[in-house]
Amino acid sequence: MAVTRTGIAYRSGGSGDHLLLLLHGLGATGAVWDRLLPLVEDSWPGPWAVPDLRGHGRSLAEPPYGYAVHAADMASLVASSGAARVTVLGHSFGGVVGAVLGGGWFGVAVDRVVAVGVKIGWTGDEVARARSLAERPPQVFPTVAEAADRHLRLAGLTGLVDPSSEVALAGVREVSPGWAPALDSRAFGAVGPPVEEVLRRSAAPLRLAAGQADPMVGLAAMRRVDPSAVLLEGAGHNAHWEAPGAVWSLLDAP
């Protein structure tokens, strides 16, 4: 795993000048793309990169954590890759970061942003709950298994990912006197700006999609931003994990 000059840890592969950037959701790590990566390696004609966003996984845990800060981190990663242009595939929070990167303010040529499972409508109570999470002190557990279980709950992956798997353990770090989720809870403080407005500011073409059973976003909300938005059968909020082939096909869609 490499690290950018701004402290962002990432995995990468491939070669060429058109980078595919895979951005995970709030609370997760880049490991959630592991079921889709074989498709990337077989089909993407250029380089790819899978980072842990700031405050997540192995990356720098230092605020601020707003969308624009994450986008600036990604712009630094793109610059260090030497790629001339980038396509973004983002899940949930990562999709919003991709739209901000595609806004044209970071000196990066973004060809396209595909965002899956982005929660567009937030109530005042939901924003307040996220802000409350941001203020909680880190939880430390006596065993790595308990910390991994907590990581999966924070990432919305409980029941989908084996708590003993490498994907789960990628979200855990050893601390004194035990184990803790690698997530800096202050990262939840990024929630608040109107997501629909943020998405509309993407200058790059934006495609929205969500799992058909995703409780966080519906087709009508997505189509207010992207009239061609689609639902993916056989998937919920974590469509990139549940139906990687369907998510990958979005990159081939017009």
C-alpha atoms as a PDB file:
ATOM      1  CA  MET A   1       0.000   0.000   0.000  1.00  0.00           C
ATOM      2  CA  ALA A   2       1.372   3.414  -1.009  1.00  0.00           C
ATOM      3  CA  VAL A   3       0.806   6.764   0.728  1.00  0.00           C
ATOM      4  CA  THR A   4       0.414  10.186  -0.902  1.00  0.00           C
ATOM      5  CA  ARG A   5       2.222  13.276   0.353  1.00  0.00           C
ATOM      6  CA  THR A   6      -1.024  14.275   2.088  1.00  0.00           C
ATOM      7  CA  GLY A   7      -1.172  11.000   4.029  1.00  0.00           C
ATOM      8  CA  ILE A   8      -3.729   9.081   1.970  1.00  0.00           C
ATOM      9  CA  ALA A   9      -3.098   5.331   1.828  1.00  0.00           C
ATOM     10  CA  TYR A  10      -4.072   3.590  -1.396  1.00  0.00           C
ATOM     11  CA  ARG A  11      -3.682   0.494  -3.527  1.00  0.00           C
ATOM     12  CA  SER A  12      -3.125   0.780  -7.248  1.00  0.00           C
ATOM     13  CA  GLY A  13      -2.376  -1.121 -10.415  1.00  0.00           C
ATOM     14  CA  GLY A  14      -2.395  -0.900 -14.183  1.00  0.00           C
ATOM     15  CA  SER A  15      -0.711   1.678 -16.377  1.00  0.00           C
ATOM     16  CA  GLY A  16      -1.635   4.446 -18.785  1.00  0.00           C
ATOM     17  CA  ASP A  17      -3.037   7.963 -18.620  1.00  0.00           C
ATOM     18  CA  HIS A  18      -6.737   7.347 -17.740  1.00  0.00           C
ATOM     19  CA  LEU A  19      -7.084   6.610 -14.024  1.00  0.00           C
ATOM     20  CA  LEU A  20     -10.085   4.858 -12.472  1.00  0.00           C
ATOM     21  CA  LEU A  21     -10.570   6.094  -8.921  1.00  0.00           C
ATOM     22  CA  LEU A  22     -12.706   3.952  -6.585  1.00  0.00           C
ATOM     23  CA  LEU A  23     -14.042   5.845  -3.551  1.00  0.00           C
ATOM     24  CA  HIS A  24     -15.661   4.073  -0.591  1.00  0.00           C
ATOM     25  CA  GLY A  25     -18.476   5.309   1.621  1.00  0.00           C
ATOM     26  CA  LEU A  26     -18.448   6.946   5.051  1.00  0.00           C
ATOM     27  CA  GLY A  27     -17.210   4.538   7.709  1.00  0.00           C
ATOM     28  CA  ALA A  28     -15.805   1.980   5.269  1.00  0.00           C
ATOM     29  CA  THR A  29     -12.344   1.492   3.715  1.00  0.00           C
ATOM     30  CA  GLY A  30     -11.069   0.814   0.228  1.00  0.00           C
ATOM     31  CA  ALA A  31     -11.275  -2.911   1.007  1.00  0.00           C
ATOM     32  CA  VAL A  32     -15.015  -2.840   0.219  1.00  0.00           C
ATOM     33  CA  TRP A  33     -14.083  -2.772  -3.477  1.00  0.00           C
ATOM     34  CA  ASP A  34     -12.390  -6.181  -3.263  1.00  0.00           C
ATOM     35  CA  ARG A  35     -15.279  -8.018  -4.950  1.00  0.00           C
ATOM     36  CA  LEU A  36     -15.224  -5.567  -7.862  1.00  0.00           C
ATOM     37  CA  LEU A  37     -11.444  -5.350  -8.271  1.00  0.00           C
ATOM     38  CA  PRO A  38     -11.155  -8.538 -10.367  1.00  0.00           C
ATOM     39  CA  LEU A  39     -13.424  -6.876 -12.933  1.00  0.00           C
ATOM     40  CA  VAL A  40     -11.276  -3.743 -12.829  1.00  0.00           C
ATOM     41  CA  GLU A  41      -8.087  -5.706 -13.347  1.00  0.00           C
ATOM     42  CA  ASP A  42      -9.606  -7.701 -16.223  1.00  0.00           C
ATOM     43  CA  SER A  43     -11.432  -4.903 -18.017  1.00  0.00           C
ATOM     44  CA  TRP A  44     -10.165  -1.419 -17.200  1.00  0.00           C
ATOM     45  CA  PRO A  45      -7.709  -0.334 -19.921  1.00  0.00           C
ATOM     46  CA  GLY A  46      -5.645   1.972 -17.717  1.00  0.00           C
ATOM     47  CA  PRO A  47      -4.432   2.478 -14.154  1.00  0.00           C
ATOM     48  CA  TRP A  48      -6.659   2.296 -11.099  1.00  0.00           C
ATOM     49  CA  ALA A  49      -6.410   3.432  -7.483  1.00  0.00           C
ATOM     50  CA  VAL A  50      -8.361   2.455  -4.370  1.00  0.00           C
ATOM     51  CA  PRO A  51      -7.727   4.852  -1.464  1.00  0.00           C
ATOM     52  CA  ASP A  52      -8.827   4.928   2.147  1.00  0.00           C
ATOM     53  CA  LEU A  53     -10.379   8.359   2.560  1.00  0.00           C
ATOM     54  CA  ARG A  54      -8.971  10.710   5.179  1.00  0.00           C
ATOM     55  CA  GLY A  55      -9.924   9.516   8.658  1.00  0.00           C
ATOM     56  CA  HIS A  56     -10.552   5.963   7.456  1.00  0.00           C
ATOM     57  CA  GLY A  57      -8.483   2.788   7.396  1.00  0.00           C
ATOM     58  CA  ARG A  58      -4.751   3.384   7.022  1.00  0.00           C
ATOM     59  CA  SER A  59      -4.998   7.035   5.957  1.00  0.00           C
ATOM     60  CA  LEU A  60      -4.250  10.195   7.881  1.00  0.00           C
ATOM     61  CA  ALA A  61      -6.755  10.829  10.688  1.00  0.00           C
ATOM     62  CA  GLU A  62      -6.708  14.596  10.829  1.00  0.00           C
ATOM     63  CA  PRO A  63      -9.591  17.047  10.312  1.00  0.00           C
ATOM     64  CA  PRO A  64     -11.141  18.884   8.608  1.00  0.00           C
ATOM     65  CA  TYR A  65     -13.254  16.217   6.923  1.00  0.00           C
ATOM     66  CA  GLY A  66     -15.498  18.197   4.588  1.00  0.00           C
ATOM     67  CA  TYR A  67     -16.255  17.068   1.043  1.00  0.00           C
ATOM     68  CA  ALA A  68     -13.831  19.580  -0.460  1.00  0.00           C
ATOM     69  CA  VAL A  69     -10.956  18.378   1.747  1.00  0.00           C
ATOM     70  CA  HIS A  70     -11.516  14.792   0.615  1.00  0.00           C
ATOM     71  CA  ALA A  71     -11.698  15.957  -3.008  1.00  0.00           C
ATOM     72  CA  ALA A  72      -8.423  17.844  -2.602  1.00  0.00           C
ATOM     73  CA  ASP A  73      -6.837  14.686  -1.199  1.00  0.00           C
ATOM     74  CA  MET A  74      -8.019  12.781  -4.258  1.00  0.00           C
ATOM     75  CA  ALA A  75      -6.721  15.478  -6.589  1.00  0.00           C
ATOM     76  CA  SER A  76      -3.303  15.050  -4.967  1.00  0.00           C
ATOM     77  CA  LEU A  77      -3.491  11.296  -5.523  1.00  0.00           C
ATOM     78  CA  VAL A  78      -4.418  11.800  -9.189  1.00  0.00           C
ATOM     79  CA  ALA A  79      -1.553  14.240  -9.644  1.00  0.00           C
ATOM     80  CA  SER A  80       0.934  11.820  -8.101  1.00  0.00           C
ATOM     81  CA  SER A  81      -0.278   9.052 -10.437  1.00  0.00           C
ATOM     82  CA  GLY A  82       0.717  11.046 -13.501  1.00  0.00           C
ATOM     83  CA  ALA A  83      -2.655  10.338 -15.142  1.00  0.00           C
ATOM     84  CA  ALA A  84      -3.973  12.936 -17.570  1.00  0.00           C
ATOM     85  CA  ARG A  85      -7.627  12.239 -16.791  1.00  0.00           C
ATOM     86  CA  VAL A  86      -9.757  10.325 -14.325  1.00  0.00           C
ATOM     87  CA  THR A  87     -13.046   8.477 -14.082  1.00  0.00           C
ATOM     88  CA  VAL A  88     -14.559   8.200 -10.594  1.00  0.00           C
ATOM     89  CA  LEU A  89     -16.660   5.322  -9.302  1.00  0.00           C
ATOM     90  CA  GLY A  90     -17.872   6.229  -5.829  1.00  0.00           C
ATOM     91  CA  HIS A  91     -20.148   4.647  -3.278  1.00  0.00           C
ATOM     92  CA  SER A  92     -22.429   6.763  -1.072  1.00  0.00           C
ATOM     93  CA  PHE A  93     -20.235   9.436   0.575  1.00  0.00           C
ATOM     94  CA  GLY A  94     -17.496   8.579  -1.927  1.00  0.00           C
ATOM     95  CA  GLY A  95     -19.877   9.378  -4.754  1.00  0.00           C
ATOM     96  CA  VAL A  96     -20.422  12.861  -3.354  1.00  0.00           C
ATOM     97  CA  VAL A  97     -16.652  13.354  -3.036  1.00  0.00           C
ATOM     98  CA  GLY A  98     -16.358  12.274  -6.676  1.00  0.00           C
ATOM     99  CA  ALA A  99     -18.947  14.862  -7.728  1.00  0.00           C
ATOM    100  CA  VAL A 100     -17.008  17.568  -5.890  1.00  0.00           C
ATOM    101  CA  LEU A 101     -13.791  16.444  -7.591  1.00  0.00           C
ATOM    102  CA  GLY A 102     -15.686  16.640 -10.869  1.00  0.00           C
ATOM    103  CA  GLY A 103     -16.658  20.248 -10.184  1.00  0.00           C
ATOM    104  CA  GLY A 104     -13.556  21.544 -11.945  1.00  0.00           C
ATOM    105  CA  TRP A 105     -12.023  23.338  -8.945  1.00  0.00           C
ATOM    106  CA  PHE A 106      -9.105  21.007  -8.263  1.00  0.00           C
ATOM    107  CA  GLY A 107      -7.095  21.057 -11.479  1.00  0.00           C
ATOM    108  CA  VAL A 108      -8.102  17.491 -12.375  1.00  0.00           C
ATOM    109  CA  ALA A 109      -9.626  16.484 -15.712  1.00  0.00           C
ATOM    110  CA  VAL A 110     -12.588  14.287 -14.691  1.00  0.00           C
ATOM    111  CA  ASP A 111     -14.156  12.453 -17.619  1.00  0.00           C
ATOM    112  CA  ARG A 112     -17.071  11.001 -15.702  1.00  0.00           C
ATOM    113  CA  VAL A 113     -18.451  10.344 -12.216  1.00  0.00           C
ATOM    114  CA  VAL A 114     -20.527   7.255 -11.451  1.00  0.00           C
ATOM    115  CA  ALA A 115     -22.049   7.437  -7.973  1.00  0.00           C
ATOM    116  CA  VAL A 116     -23.855   4.477  -6.404  1.00  0.00           C
ATOM    117  CA  GLY A 117     -26.074   4.605  -3.321  1.00  0.00           C
ATOM    118  CA  VAL A 118     -25.770   8.329  -2.593  1.00  0.00           C
ATOM    119  CA  LYS A 119     -28.231   9.423   0.098  1.00  0.00           C
ATOM    120  CA  ILE A 120     -29.704  12.604  -1.358  1.00  0.00           C
ATOM    121  CA  GLY A 121     -32.348  13.579   1.189  1.00  0.00           C
ATOM    122  CA  TRP A 122     -31.240  14.233   4.778  1.00  0.00           C
ATOM    123  CA  THR A 123     -33.622  15.266   7.537  1.00  0.00           C
ATOM    124  CA  GLY A 124     -32.579  17.612  10.306  1.00  0.00           C
ATOM    125  CA  ASP A 125     -32.666  14.702  12.759  1.00  0.00           C
ATOM    126  CA  GLU A 126     -30.371  12.602  10.555  1.00  0.00           C
ATOM    127  CA  VAL A 127     -27.841  15.414  10.285  1.00  0.00           C
ATOM    128  CA  ALA A 128     -28.009  15.900  14.046  1.00  0.00           C
ATOM    129  CA  ARG A 129     -27.358  12.175  14.633  1.00  0.00           C
ATOM    130  CA  ALA A 130     -24.324  12.283  12.350  1.00  0.00           C
ATOM    131  CA  ARG A 131     -22.984  15.318  14.174  1.00  0.00           C
ATOM    132  CA  SER A 132     -23.555  13.486  17.462  1.00  0.00           C
ATOM    133  CA  LEU A 133     -21.483  10.546  16.209  1.00  0.00           C
ATOM    134  CA  ALA A 134     -18.716  12.990  15.292  1.00  0.00           C
ATOM    135  CA  GLU A 135     -18.506  14.124  18.902  1.00  0.00           C
ATOM    136  CA  ARG A 136     -18.244  10.676  20.483  1.00  0.00           C
ATOM    137  CA  PRO A 137     -14.875   9.574  21.868  1.00  0.00           C
ATOM    138  CA  PRO A 138     -13.201   6.568  20.209  1.00  0.00           C
ATOM    139  CA  GLN A 139     -14.385   3.174  21.394  1.00  0.00           C
ATOM    140  CA  VAL A 140     -11.716   0.690  22.443  1.00  0.00           C
ATOM    141  CA  PHE A 141     -12.484  -3.041  22.642  1.00  0.00           C
ATOM    142  CA  PRO A 142     -10.585  -5.844  24.364  1.00  0.00           C
ATOM    143  CA  THR A 143     -10.561  -8.050  21.252  1.00  0.00           C
ATOM    144  CA  VAL A 144      -9.976  -7.513  17.551  1.00  0.00           C
ATOM    145  CA  ALA A 145     -13.221  -9.390  16.820  1.00  0.00           C
ATOM    146  CA  GLU A 146     -15.291  -6.864  18.768  1.00  0.00           C
ATOM    147  CA  ALA A 147     -13.559  -3.953  17.047  1.00  0.00           C
ATOM    148  CA  ALA A 148     -14.135  -5.548  13.633  1.00  0.00           C
ATOM    149  CA  ASP A 149     -17.807  -6.029  14.450  1.00  0.00           C
ATOM    150  CA  ARG A 150     -18.103  -2.359  15.392  1.00  0.00           C
ATOM    151  CA  HIS A 151     -16.331  -1.317  12.187  1.00  0.00           C
ATOM    152  CA  LEU A 152     -18.808  -3.301  10.112  1.00  0.00           C
ATOM    153  CA  ARG A 153     -21.737  -1.655  11.900  1.00  0.00           C
ATOM    154  CA  LEU A 154     -20.297   1.810  11.296  1.00  0.00           C
ATOM    155  CA  ALA A 155     -19.759   0.969   7.629  1.00  0.00           C
ATOM    156  CA  GLY A 156     -23.226  -0.553   7.183  1.00  0.00           C
ATOM    157  CA  LEU A 157     -21.716  -3.919   6.271  1.00  0.00           C
ATOM    158  CA  THR A 158     -23.032  -6.090   9.107  1.00  0.00           C
ATOM    159  CA  GLY A 159     -24.407  -9.326   7.676  1.00  0.00           C
ATOM    160  CA  LEU A 160     -22.613  -8.831   4.360  1.00  0.00           C
ATOM    161  CA  VAL A 161     -18.961  -9.151   5.347  1.00  0.00           C
ATOM    162  CA  ASP A 162     -17.395 -11.871   7.532  1.00  0.00           C
ATOM    163  CA  PRO A 163     -16.085 -10.142  10.700  1.00  0.00           C
ATOM    164  CA  SER A 164     -12.926 -12.285  10.542  1.00  0.00           C
ATOM    165  CA  SER A 165     -12.165 -11.422   6.903  1.00  0.00           C
ATOM    166  CA  GLU A 166      -9.399  -9.148   5.669  1.00  0.00           C
ATOM    167  CA  VAL A 167     -12.075  -6.714   4.515  1.00  0.00           C
ATOM    168  CA  ALA A 168     -13.346  -6.341   8.081  1.00  0.00           C
ATOM    169  CA  LEU A 169      -9.874  -6.223   9.630  1.00  0.00           C
ATOM    170  CA  ALA A 170      -8.857  -3.427   7.231  1.00  0.00           C
ATOM    171  CA  GLY A 171     -11.102  -1.188   9.330  1.00  0.00           C
ATOM    172  CA  VAL A 172      -9.446  -2.046  12.666  1.00  0.00           C
ATOM    173  CA  ARG A 173      -6.326  -0.717  14.374  1.00  0.00           C
ATOM    174  CA  GLU A 174      -4.449  -1.762  17.479  1.00  0.00           C
ATOM    175  CA  VAL A 175      -4.434   0.801  20.290  1.00  0.00           C
ATOM    176  CA  SER A 176      -3.488   0.752  23.938  1.00  0.00           C
ATOM    177  CA  PRO A 177      -4.976  -1.187  25.669  1.00  0.00           C
ATOM    178  CA  GLY A 178      -6.888  -3.032  22.928  1.00  0.00           C
ATOM    179  CA  TRP A 179      -8.453  -2.601  19.488  1.00  0.00           C
ATOM    180  CA  ALA A 180     -10.586   0.077  17.861  1.00  0.00           C
ATOM    181  CA  PRO A 181     -12.262   0.841  14.534  1.00  0.00           C
ATOM    182  CA  ALA A 182      -9.801   2.713  12.329  1.00  0.00           C
ATOM    183  CA  LEU A 183     -12.479   5.307  11.548  1.00  0.00           C
ATOM    184  CA  ASP A 184     -12.001   8.721  13.129  1.00  0.00           C
ATOM    185  CA  SER A 185     -15.533   9.416  14.316  1.00  0.00           C
ATOM    186  CA  ARG A 186     -15.017  13.126  13.627  1.00  0.00           C
ATOM    187  CA  ALA A 187     -15.384  12.220   9.930  1.00  0.00           C
ATOM    188  CA  PHE A 188     -19.170  12.132  10.451  1.00  0.00           C
ATOM    189  CA  GLY A 189     -18.981  15.907  10.837  1.00  0.00           C
ATOM    190  CA  ALA A 190     -18.828  16.185   7.043  1.00  0.00           C
ATOM    191  CA  VAL A 191     -22.579  15.507   6.877  1.00  0.00           C
ATOM    192  CA  GLY A 192     -24.682  18.621   6.492  1.00  0.00           C
ATOM    193  CA  PRO A 193     -24.303  20.419   3.138  1.00  0.00           C
ATOM    194  CA  PRO A 194     -27.310  19.712   0.856  1.00  0.00           C
ATOM    195  CA  VAL A 195     -26.261  16.671  -1.154  1.00  0.00           C
ATOM    196  CA  GLU A 196     -28.521  17.396  -4.128  1.00  0.00           C
ATOM    197  CA  GLU A 197     -26.947  20.814  -4.541  1.00  0.00           C
ATOM    198  CA  VAL A 198     -23.446  19.375  -4.257  1.00  0.00           C
ATOM    199  CA  LEU A 199     -24.166  16.745  -6.910  1.00  0.00           C
ATOM    200  CA  ARG A 200     -25.576  19.333  -9.307  1.00  0.00           C
ATOM    201  CA  ARG A 201     -22.284  21.228  -9.190  1.00  0.00           C
ATOM    202  CA  SER A 202     -20.379  18.432 -10.915  1.00  0.00           C
ATOM    203  CA  ALA A 203     -19.170  19.765 -14.241  1.00  0.00           C
ATOM    204  CA  ALA A 204     -18.238  16.231 -15.275  1.00  0.00           C
ATOM    205  CA  PRO A 205     -21.048  13.974 -16.542  1.00  0.00           C
ATOM    206  CA  LEU A 206     -22.692  12.347 -13.521  1.00  0.00           C
ATOM    207  CA  ARG A 207     -24.507   9.003 -13.479  1.00  0.00           C
ATOM    208  CA  LEU A 208     -26.474   8.003 -10.383  1.00  0.00           C
ATOM    209  CA  ALA A 209     -27.553   4.483  -9.452  1.00  0.00           C
ATOM    210  CA  ALA A 210     -28.668   2.584  -6.381  1.00  0.00           C
ATOM    211  CA  GLY A 211     -29.611  -0.917  -5.361  1.00  0.00           C
ATOM    212  CA  GLN A 212     -33.292  -1.613  -5.866  1.00  0.00           C
ATOM    213  CA  ALA A 213     -33.583  -2.459  -2.160  1.00  0.00           C
ATOM    214  CA  ASP A 214     -31.505   0.488  -0.942  1.00  0.00           C
ATOM    215  CA  PRO A 215     -33.473   2.086   1.925  1.00  0.00           C
ATOM    216  CA  MET A 216     -31.426   5.281   1.745  1.00  0.00           C
ATOM    217  CA  VAL A 217     -32.234   6.511  -1.765  1.00  0.00           C
ATOM    218  CA  GLY A 218     -34.996   6.089  -4.313  1.00  0.00           C
ATOM    219  CA  LEU A 219     -35.260   6.519  -8.058  1.00  0.00           C
ATOM    220  CA  ALA A 220     -37.319   9.717  -7.923  1.00  0.00           C
ATOM    221  CA  ALA A 221     -34.731  11.507  -5.782  1.00  0.00           C
ATOM    222  CA  MET A 222     -31.882  10.433  -8.040  1.00  0.00           C
ATOM    223  CA  ARG A 223     -33.698  11.460 -11.191  1.00  0.00           C
ATOM    224  CA  ARG A 224     -34.061  15.015  -9.926  1.00  0.00           C
ATOM    225  CA  VAL A 225     -30.295  15.187 -10.488  1.00  0.00           C
ATOM    226  CA  ASP A 226     -29.739  12.560 -13.183  1.00  0.00           C
ATOM    227  CA  PRO A 227     -32.775  11.845 -15.390  1.00  0.00           C
ATOM    228  CA  SER A 228     -31.074   8.617 -16.523  1.00  0.00           C
ATOM    229  CA  ALA A 229     -30.503   7.266 -13.007  1.00  0.00           C
ATOM    230  CA  VAL A 230     -31.142   3.536 -12.602  1.00  0.00           C
ATOM    231  CA  LEU A 231     -31.912   0.922  -9.960  1.00  0.00           C
ATOM    232  CA  LEU A 232     -29.819  -2.248  -9.741  1.00  0.00           C
ATOM    233  CA  GLU A 233     -31.645  -5.505  -9.128  1.00  0.00           C
ATOM    234  CA  GLY A 234     -30.507  -7.823  -6.369  1.00  0.00           C
ATOM    235  CA  ALA A 235     -28.765  -5.140  -4.334  1.00  0.00           C
ATOM    236  CA  GLY A 236     -29.306  -2.866  -1.366  1.00  0.00           C
ATOM    237  CA  HIS A 237     -27.195   0.039  -0.209  1.00  0.00           C
ATOM    238  CA  ASN A 238     -23.863  -1.738  -0.769  1.00  0.00           C
ATOM    239  CA  ALA A 239     -24.452  -2.585  -4.417  1.00  0.00           C
ATOM    240  CA  HIS A 240     -20.717  -2.612  -5.163  1.00  0.00           C
ATOM    241  CA  TRP A 241     -20.400  -5.546  -2.747  1.00  0.00           C
ATOM    242  CA  GLU A 242     -23.738  -7.276  -3.417  1.00  0.00           C
ATOM    243  CA  ALA A 243     -23.851  -6.919  -7.210  1.00  0.00           C
ATOM    244  CA  PRO A 244     -20.374  -5.933  -8.453  1.00  0.00           C
ATOM    245  CA  GLY A 245     -21.129  -6.958 -12.029  1.00  0.00           C
ATOM    246  CA  ALA A 246     -24.145  -4.658 -12.198  1.00  0.00           C
ATOM    247  CA  VAL A 247     -22.132  -1.777 -10.771  1.00  0.00           C
ATOM    248  CA  TRP A 248     -19.291  -2.409 -13.202  1.00  0.00           C
ATOM    249  CA  SER A 249     -21.728  -2.338 -16.131  1.00  0.00           C
ATOM    250  CA  LEU A 250     -22.545   1.289 -15.267  1.00  0.00           C
ATOM    251  CA  LEU A 251     -19.149   2.286 -16.634  1.00  0.00           C
ATOM    252  CA  ASP A 252     -20.146   0.874 -20.016  1.00  0.00           C
ATOM    253  CA  ALA A 253     -23.537   2.586 -20.088  1.00  0.00           C
ATOM    254  CA  PRO A 254     -23.959   5.769 -22.165  1.00  0.00           C
END
